[in-house]
Amino acid sequence: MTDSLLSAETFDALRRIDSATIANAIEHFEVRDPVTGYASLELRCQFPEQEPMVGFAVTATQDTTSAGDDRALRLPEVLDMVHAAPKPAILVVQYTGADRLRSCVAGDMFCTALQKLGAVGLVTDMGSRDFGGIQRRAPGFQLFCPGAVVSHGYGAFTNLDITVSIYGLTIQPGDLLHGDVNGVVSIPLAIAEDVIVQAQRVLEGERTYFDFLASDQFSFEGLRRRMGGQE
């Protein structure tokens, strides 16, 4: 199932392109500064063998490490948001507590439920767990997080449907995200289909570059010209 803003064919095309090529294609349109729109290397793709994840952001913040916490968990509200969101959806959760290295947002039970509701992945600066269980019970579901934490703690969702920041990537509700082993990048929705066309041009340019490096026509001067004169 897909949202009417983008066709199923558009999603299929985006999933056939790696995230680094998507990032290069976006730069062509000069819609944002080239140092923005992507997450840092702290965000890790936990299932790198899977195809690129593409979907619309559903956002929240959470604290799982405050001792004695008795705030409402608000998990049903998060499920409501995912259920009502354009599909495919990606849940994005930013940590708001004081001990992020011990935080844990999800395991196989939560990720499998998210997949049942039309989500294709989870992006978070928090830990997660049950990685093997997620792969067995929710095959194809992607997880971006910094690493594993064994216990879920006390997981109180603190804010819903707000702008969040995940390792330098600002994400608003409804943003189109693309992620794979290279990381996560946001795609401006207005140019999503144009990005696909430009990405093919990027790939063709790379093909001719590598053909040049492997050919008898290779020269240092030619390399410098192709690299824009940079040493």
C-alpha atoms as a PDB file:
ATOM      1  CA  MET A   1       0.000   0.000   0.000  1.00  0.00           C
ATOM      2  CA  THR A   2       1.265   3.520  -0.845  1.00  0.00           C
ATOM      3  CA  ASP A   3       0.122   7.068  -0.264  1.00  0.00           C
ATOM      4  CA  SER A   4      -1.583   8.781  -3.211  1.00  0.00           C
ATOM      5  CA  LEU A   5       1.117  11.495  -3.286  1.00  0.00           C
ATOM      6  CA  LEU A   6       3.496   8.981  -4.862  1.00  0.00           C
ATOM      7  CA  SER A   7       2.700   6.029  -7.076  1.00  0.00           C
ATOM      8  CA  ALA A   8       3.636   2.437  -6.376  1.00  0.00           C
ATOM      9  CA  GLU A   9       5.954   2.670  -9.382  1.00  0.00           C
ATOM     10  CA  THR A  10       7.767   5.617  -7.805  1.00  0.00           C
ATOM     11  CA  PHE A  11       8.350   3.685  -4.592  1.00  0.00           C
ATOM     12  CA  ASP A  12       9.564   0.669  -6.538  1.00  0.00           C
ATOM     13  CA  ALA A  13      11.994   2.859  -8.466  1.00  0.00           C
ATOM     14  CA  LEU A  14      13.329   4.500  -5.303  1.00  0.00           C
ATOM     15  CA  ARG A  15      13.890   1.104  -3.693  1.00  0.00           C
ATOM     16  CA  ARG A  16      16.069   0.090  -6.633  1.00  0.00           C
ATOM     17  CA  ILE A  17      18.502   2.981  -6.005  1.00  0.00           C
ATOM     18  CA  ASP A  18      21.031   3.122  -3.172  1.00  0.00           C
ATOM     19  CA  SER A  19      20.862   5.979  -0.680  1.00  0.00           C
ATOM     20  CA  ALA A  20      24.239   7.456  -1.603  1.00  0.00           C
ATOM     21  CA  THR A  21      23.114   7.843  -5.218  1.00  0.00           C
ATOM     22  CA  ILE A  22      19.852   9.399  -4.005  1.00  0.00           C
ATOM     23  CA  ALA A  23      21.865  11.929  -1.987  1.00  0.00           C
ATOM     24  CA  ASN A  24      23.983  12.785  -5.035  1.00  0.00           C
ATOM     25  CA  ALA A  25      20.885  13.205  -7.179  1.00  0.00           C
ATOM     26  CA  ILE A  26      19.237  15.580  -4.688  1.00  0.00           C
ATOM     27  CA  GLU A  27      22.280  17.871  -4.777  1.00  0.00           C
ATOM     28  CA  HIS A  28      21.636  18.528  -8.480  1.00  0.00           C
ATOM     29  CA  PHE A  29      18.423  20.424  -7.681  1.00  0.00           C
ATOM     30  CA  GLU A  30      20.049  22.800  -5.138  1.00  0.00           C
ATOM     31  CA  VAL A  31      16.978  22.715  -2.888  1.00  0.00           C
ATOM     32  CA  ARG A  32      19.046  22.662   0.316  1.00  0.00           C
ATOM     33  CA  ASP A  33      22.594  23.052   1.554  1.00  0.00           C
ATOM     34  CA  PRO A  34      24.601  19.922   0.670  1.00  0.00           C
ATOM     35  CA  VAL A  35      25.650  19.471   4.316  1.00  0.00           C
ATOM     36  CA  THR A  36      22.032  18.951   5.419  1.00  0.00           C
ATOM     37  CA  GLY A  37      19.386  16.300   4.863  1.00  0.00           C
ATOM     38  CA  TYR A  38      21.198  13.205   6.094  1.00  0.00           C
ATOM     39  CA  ALA A  39      22.103  11.501   9.377  1.00  0.00           C
ATOM     40  CA  SER A  40      25.597  11.025  10.764  1.00  0.00           C
ATOM     41  CA  LEU A  41      27.561   7.775  10.909  1.00  0.00           C
ATOM     42  CA  GLU A  42      26.269   7.201  14.448  1.00  0.00           C
ATOM     43  CA  LEU A  43      23.048   5.875  12.891  1.00  0.00           C
ATOM     44  CA  ARG A  44      23.577   2.247  11.916  1.00  0.00           C
ATOM     45  CA  CYS A  45      21.640   0.117   9.436  1.00  0.00           C
ATOM     46  CA  GLN A  46      21.043  -3.113  11.337  1.00  0.00           C
ATOM     47  CA  PHE A  47      19.948  -5.217   8.353  1.00  0.00           C
ATOM     48  CA  PRO A  48      22.270  -4.075   5.532  1.00  0.00           C
ATOM     49  CA  GLU A  49      21.431  -6.987   3.241  1.00  0.00           C
ATOM     50  CA  GLN A  50      17.873  -5.702   2.700  1.00  0.00           C
ATOM     51  CA  GLU A  51      16.737  -3.430  -0.131  1.00  0.00           C
ATOM     52  CA  PRO A  52      16.553   0.308   0.563  1.00  0.00           C
ATOM     53  CA  MET A  53      13.832   1.438   2.966  1.00  0.00           C
ATOM     54  CA  VAL A  54      11.511   4.149   1.615  1.00  0.00           C
ATOM     55  CA  GLY A  55       8.548   5.663   3.429  1.00  0.00           C
ATOM     56  CA  PHE A  56       6.860   8.573   5.186  1.00  0.00           C
ATOM     57  CA  ALA A  57       7.975   9.633   8.663  1.00  0.00           C
ATOM     58  CA  VAL A  58       5.768   9.246  11.735  1.00  0.00           C
ATOM     59  CA  THR A  59       7.511  11.057  14.589  1.00  0.00           C
ATOM     60  CA  ALA A  60       7.725  10.837  18.363  1.00  0.00           C
ATOM     61  CA  THR A  61      10.090  11.307  21.311  1.00  0.00           C
ATOM     62  CA  GLN A  62      10.632   8.841  24.128  1.00  0.00           C
ATOM     63  CA  ASP A  63      12.388   8.362  27.473  1.00  0.00           C
ATOM     64  CA  THR A  64      13.058   4.804  28.682  1.00  0.00           C
ATOM     65  CA  THR A  65      15.660   5.349  31.419  1.00  0.00           C
ATOM     66  CA  SER A  66      14.149   7.627  34.096  1.00  0.00           C
ATOM     67  CA  ALA A  67      14.004   5.700  37.376  1.00  0.00           C
ATOM     68  CA  GLY A  68      10.632   5.779  39.132  1.00  0.00           C
ATOM     69  CA  ASP A  69       8.899   7.049  35.996  1.00  0.00           C
ATOM     70  CA  ASP A  70       5.112   6.749  36.181  1.00  0.00           C
ATOM     71  CA  ARG A  71       4.130   8.705  33.074  1.00  0.00           C
ATOM     72  CA  ALA A  72       1.669   7.117  30.680  1.00  0.00           C
ATOM     73  CA  LEU A  73       3.451   4.976  28.089  1.00  0.00           C
ATOM     74  CA  ARG A  74       1.198   6.318  25.272  1.00  0.00           C
ATOM     75  CA  LEU A  75       1.968   3.306  23.094  1.00  0.00           C
ATOM     76  CA  PRO A  76      -1.636   3.025  21.841  1.00  0.00           C
ATOM     77  CA  GLU A  77      -1.388   6.626  20.609  1.00  0.00           C
ATOM     78  CA  VAL A  78       1.774   5.789  18.682  1.00  0.00           C
ATOM     79  CA  LEU A  79       0.040   2.808  17.090  1.00  0.00           C
ATOM     80  CA  ASP A  80      -2.879   5.089  16.192  1.00  0.00           C
ATOM     81  CA  MET A  81      -0.479   7.468  14.406  1.00  0.00           C
ATOM     82  CA  VAL A  82       1.170   4.693  12.418  1.00  0.00           C
ATOM     83  CA  HIS A  83      -2.194   3.186  11.511  1.00  0.00           C
ATOM     84  CA  ALA A  84      -3.506   6.554  10.242  1.00  0.00           C
ATOM     85  CA  ALA A  85      -0.304   7.664   8.473  1.00  0.00           C
ATOM     86  CA  PRO A  86       0.359   7.554   4.723  1.00  0.00           C
ATOM     87  CA  LYS A  87       1.914   4.250   3.714  1.00  0.00           C
ATOM     88  CA  PRO A  88       4.538   2.974   3.650  1.00  0.00           C
ATOM     89  CA  ALA A  89       5.297   4.511   7.050  1.00  0.00           C
ATOM     90  CA  ILE A  90       8.543   4.792   8.983  1.00  0.00           C
ATOM     91  CA  LEU A  91       8.404   5.384  12.731  1.00  0.00           C
ATOM     92  CA  VAL A  92      11.043   7.910  13.837  1.00  0.00           C
ATOM     93  CA  VAL A  93      11.770   8.198  17.567  1.00  0.00           C
ATOM     94  CA  GLN A  94      14.161  10.682  19.199  1.00  0.00           C
ATOM     95  CA  TYR A  95      15.421  10.109  22.743  1.00  0.00           C
ATOM     96  CA  THR A  96      14.678  12.788  25.342  1.00  0.00           C
ATOM     97  CA  GLY A  97      16.002  11.268  28.589  1.00  0.00           C
ATOM     98  CA  ALA A  98      19.324  11.564  30.420  1.00  0.00           C
ATOM     99  CA  ASP A  99      20.949   8.198  29.635  1.00  0.00           C
ATOM    100  CA  ARG A 100      20.697   7.576  25.887  1.00  0.00           C
ATOM    101  CA  LEU A 101      23.306   4.796  25.889  1.00  0.00           C
ATOM    102  CA  ARG A 102      20.930   2.648  27.961  1.00  0.00           C
ATOM    103  CA  SER A 103      17.770   3.580  26.064  1.00  0.00           C
ATOM    104  CA  CYS A 104      15.786   0.953  24.141  1.00  0.00           C
ATOM    105  CA  VAL A 105      12.792   1.740  21.943  1.00  0.00           C
ATOM    106  CA  ALA A 106      11.854  -1.536  20.275  1.00  0.00           C
ATOM    107  CA  GLY A 107      12.168  -5.296  19.993  1.00  0.00           C
ATOM    108  CA  ASP A 108      10.600  -7.952  17.844  1.00  0.00           C
ATOM    109  CA  MET A 109       7.104  -7.573  19.328  1.00  0.00           C
ATOM    110  CA  PHE A 110       6.885  -3.835  18.596  1.00  0.00           C
ATOM    111  CA  CYS A 111       8.546  -4.018  15.172  1.00  0.00           C
ATOM    112  CA  THR A 112       6.288  -6.862  14.052  1.00  0.00           C
ATOM    113  CA  ALA A 113       3.240  -4.851  15.146  1.00  0.00           C
ATOM    114  CA  LEU A 114       4.513  -1.821  13.241  1.00  0.00           C
ATOM    115  CA  GLN A 115       4.935  -3.910  10.105  1.00  0.00           C
ATOM    116  CA  LYS A 116       1.368  -5.195  10.447  1.00  0.00           C
ATOM    117  CA  LEU A 117       0.204  -1.569  10.479  1.00  0.00           C
ATOM    118  CA  GLY A 118       2.034  -0.726   7.253  1.00  0.00           C
ATOM    119  CA  ALA A 119       5.406   0.462   8.547  1.00  0.00           C
ATOM    120  CA  VAL A 120       8.559  -0.592   6.722  1.00  0.00           C
ATOM    121  CA  GLY A 121      11.112   0.562   9.255  1.00  0.00           C
ATOM    122  CA  LEU A 122      12.129   2.328  12.446  1.00  0.00           C
ATOM    123  CA  VAL A 123      14.690   5.144  12.684  1.00  0.00           C
ATOM    124  CA  THR A 124      15.943   6.164  16.115  1.00  0.00           C
ATOM    125  CA  ASP A 125      18.906   7.486  18.093  1.00  0.00           C
ATOM    126  CA  MET A 126      17.959   4.993  20.827  1.00  0.00           C
ATOM    127  CA  GLY A 127      18.978   1.381  21.249  1.00  0.00           C
ATOM    128  CA  SER A 128      16.807  -1.568  20.277  1.00  0.00           C
ATOM    129  CA  ARG A 129      16.899  -5.314  20.895  1.00  0.00           C
ATOM    130  CA  ASP A 130      15.777  -8.739  19.595  1.00  0.00           C
ATOM    131  CA  PHE A 131      17.482  -8.174  16.236  1.00  0.00           C
ATOM    132  CA  GLY A 132      17.282 -11.848  15.314  1.00  0.00           C
ATOM    133  CA  GLY A 133      13.614 -11.968  16.282  1.00  0.00           C
ATOM    134  CA  ILE A 134      12.838  -8.933  14.141  1.00  0.00           C
ATOM    135  CA  GLN A 135      14.389 -10.624  11.115  1.00  0.00           C
ATOM    136  CA  ARG A 136      12.476 -13.852  11.749  1.00  0.00           C
ATOM    137  CA  ARG A 137       9.096 -12.381  12.629  1.00  0.00           C
ATOM    138  CA  ALA A 138       9.082  -9.212  10.514  1.00  0.00           C
ATOM    139  CA  PRO A 139      11.163 -10.061   7.430  1.00  0.00           C
ATOM    140  CA  GLY A 140      11.890  -6.986   5.336  1.00  0.00           C
ATOM    141  CA  PHE A 141      11.356  -4.559   8.229  1.00  0.00           C
ATOM    142  CA  GLN A 142      14.376  -2.244   8.506  1.00  0.00           C
ATOM    143  CA  LEU A 143      15.915  -0.906  11.705  1.00  0.00           C
ATOM    144  CA  PHE A 144      18.225   2.094  11.970  1.00  0.00           C
ATOM    145  CA  CYS A 145      19.649   2.579  15.466  1.00  0.00           C
ATOM    146  CA  PRO A 146      23.099   2.954  17.055  1.00  0.00           C
ATOM    147  CA  GLY A 147      23.151  -0.502  18.649  1.00  0.00           C
ATOM    148  CA  ALA A 148      21.598  -3.083  20.939  1.00  0.00           C
ATOM    149  CA  VAL A 149      20.429  -2.658  24.542  1.00  0.00           C
ATOM    150  CA  VAL A 150      19.190  -5.730  26.399  1.00  0.00           C
ATOM    151  CA  SER A 151      16.288  -4.244  28.413  1.00  0.00           C
ATOM    152  CA  HIS A 152      13.391  -2.018  27.351  1.00  0.00           C
ATOM    153  CA  GLY A 153      13.444  -0.028  30.592  1.00  0.00           C
ATOM    154  CA  TYR A 154      10.311   2.081  31.106  1.00  0.00           C
ATOM    155  CA  GLY A 155       9.308   3.438  27.715  1.00  0.00           C
ATOM    156  CA  ALA A 156       7.253   6.607  28.061  1.00  0.00           C
ATOM    157  CA  PHE A 157       6.550   8.372  24.757  1.00  0.00           C
ATOM    158  CA  THR A 158       6.814  12.070  25.616  1.00  0.00           C
ATOM    159  CA  ASN A 159       5.787  13.954  22.446  1.00  0.00           C
ATOM    160  CA  LEU A 160       3.989  12.843  19.304  1.00  0.00           C
ATOM    161  CA  ASP A 161       3.782  14.158  15.737  1.00  0.00           C
ATOM    162  CA  ILE A 162       6.527  16.768  16.120  1.00  0.00           C
ATOM    163  CA  THR A 163       9.765  17.753  14.384  1.00  0.00           C
ATOM    164  CA  VAL A 164      12.636  15.588  15.637  1.00  0.00           C
ATOM    165  CA  SER A 165      16.375  15.357  15.022  1.00  0.00           C
ATOM    166  CA  ILE A 166      18.175  12.039  14.574  1.00  0.00           C
ATOM    167  CA  TYR A 167      21.956  12.433  14.508  1.00  0.00           C
ATOM    168  CA  GLY A 168      21.832  15.706  12.601  1.00  0.00           C
ATOM    169  CA  LEU A 169      18.917  14.810  10.335  1.00  0.00           C
ATOM    170  CA  THR A 170      15.895  17.017  11.001  1.00  0.00           C
ATOM    171  CA  ILE A 171      12.699  15.077  10.303  1.00  0.00           C
ATOM    172  CA  GLN A 172       9.170  16.433  10.185  1.00  0.00           C
ATOM    173  CA  PRO A 173       6.007  14.321  10.196  1.00  0.00           C
ATOM    174  CA  GLY A 174       5.346  13.124   6.663  1.00  0.00           C
ATOM    175  CA  ASP A 175       8.905  13.576   5.389  1.00  0.00           C
ATOM    176  CA  LEU A 176       9.965  11.061   2.745  1.00  0.00           C
ATOM    177  CA  LEU A 177      12.946   9.023   3.971  1.00  0.00           C
ATOM    178  CA  HIS A 178      15.319   6.740   2.097  1.00  0.00           C
ATOM    179  CA  GLY A 179      17.772   4.478   3.901  1.00  0.00           C
ATOM    180  CA  ASP A 180      20.147   1.577   3.370  1.00  0.00           C
ATOM    181  CA  VAL A 181      23.609   0.463   4.468  1.00  0.00           C
ATOM    182  CA  ASN A 182      24.935   3.929   3.540  1.00  0.00           C
ATOM    183  CA  GLY A 183      22.621   5.724   5.979  1.00  0.00           C
ATOM    184  CA  VAL A 184      19.382   7.703   5.941  1.00  0.00           C
ATOM    185  CA  VAL A 185      18.588  10.710   3.738  1.00  0.00           C
ATOM    186  CA  SER A 186      15.401  12.740   3.379  1.00  0.00           C
ATOM    187  CA  ILE A 187      13.970  13.341  -0.103  1.00  0.00           C
ATOM    188  CA  PRO A 188      12.047  16.586  -0.690  1.00  0.00           C
ATOM    189  CA  LEU A 189       8.649  15.315  -1.751  1.00  0.00           C
ATOM    190  CA  ALA A 190       8.243  17.893  -4.517  1.00  0.00           C
ATOM    191  CA  ILE A 191      11.234  16.501  -6.434  1.00  0.00           C
ATOM    192  CA  ALA A 192      10.901  12.794  -5.585  1.00  0.00           C
ATOM    193  CA  GLU A 193      10.130  11.677  -9.135  1.00  0.00           C
ATOM    194  CA  ASP A 194      12.765  13.996 -10.626  1.00  0.00           C
ATOM    195  CA  VAL A 195      15.311  12.520  -8.212  1.00  0.00           C
ATOM    196  CA  ILE A 196      14.757   9.097  -9.787  1.00  0.00           C
ATOM    197  CA  VAL A 197      15.576  10.451 -13.251  1.00  0.00           C
ATOM    198  CA  GLN A 198      18.623  12.331 -11.980  1.00  0.00           C
ATOM    199  CA  ALA A 199      19.819   9.268 -10.070  1.00  0.00           C
ATOM    200  CA  GLN A 200      19.978   7.342 -13.333  1.00  0.00           C
ATOM    201  CA  ARG A 201      22.158  10.115 -14.755  1.00  0.00           C
ATOM    202  CA  VAL A 202      24.398   9.891 -11.693  1.00  0.00           C
ATOM    203  CA  LEU A 203      24.765   6.144 -12.158  1.00  0.00           C
ATOM    204  CA  GLU A 204      25.569   6.554 -15.847  1.00  0.00           C
ATOM    205  CA  GLY A 205      28.189   9.172 -15.026  1.00  0.00           C
ATOM    206  CA  GLU A 206      29.778   6.821 -12.511  1.00  0.00           C
ATOM    207  CA  ARG A 207      29.776   4.004 -15.062  1.00  0.00           C
ATOM    208  CA  THR A 208      31.694   6.092 -17.587  1.00  0.00           C
ATOM    209  CA  TYR A 209      34.113   7.242 -14.853  1.00  0.00           C
ATOM    210  CA  PHE A 210      35.002   3.697 -13.827  1.00  0.00           C
ATOM    211  CA  ASP A 211      35.211   2.635 -17.477  1.00  0.00           C
ATOM    212  CA  PHE A 212      37.760   5.434 -17.955  1.00  0.00           C
ATOM    213  CA  LEU A 213      39.818   4.304 -14.949  1.00  0.00           C
ATOM    214  CA  ALA A 214      39.939   0.747 -16.330  1.00  0.00           C
ATOM    215  CA  SER A 215      40.635   1.725 -19.934  1.00  0.00           C
ATOM    216  CA  ASP A 216      43.787   2.317 -21.964  1.00  0.00           C
ATOM    217  CA  GLN A 217      42.661   5.951 -22.214  1.00  0.00           C
ATOM    218  CA  PHE A 218      43.405   6.602 -18.533  1.00  0.00           C
ATOM    219  CA  SER A 219      45.722   9.512 -17.815  1.00  0.00           C
ATOM    220  CA  PHE A 220      46.460  11.644 -14.793  1.00  0.00           C
ATOM    221  CA  GLU A 221      45.406  14.780 -16.668  1.00  0.00           C
ATOM    222  CA  GLY A 222      42.134  13.156 -17.671  1.00  0.00           C
ATOM    223  CA  LEU A 223      41.514  12.091 -14.088  1.00  0.00           C
ATOM    224  CA  ARG A 224      42.063  15.629 -12.810  1.00  0.00           C
ATOM    225  CA  ARG A 225      39.602  16.992 -15.379  1.00  0.00           C
ATOM    226  CA  ARG A 226      36.967  14.445 -14.353  1.00  0.00           C
ATOM    227  CA  MET A 227      37.519  15.198 -10.668  1.00  0.00           C
ATOM    228  CA  GLY A 228      37.067  18.925 -11.184  1.00  0.00           C
ATOM    229  CA  GLY A 229      40.748  19.766 -10.877  1.00  0.00           C
ATOM    230  CA  GLN A 230      40.912  18.648  -7.245  1.00  0.00           C
ATOM    231  CA  GLU A 231      44.171  17.053  -6.127  1.00  0.00           C
END
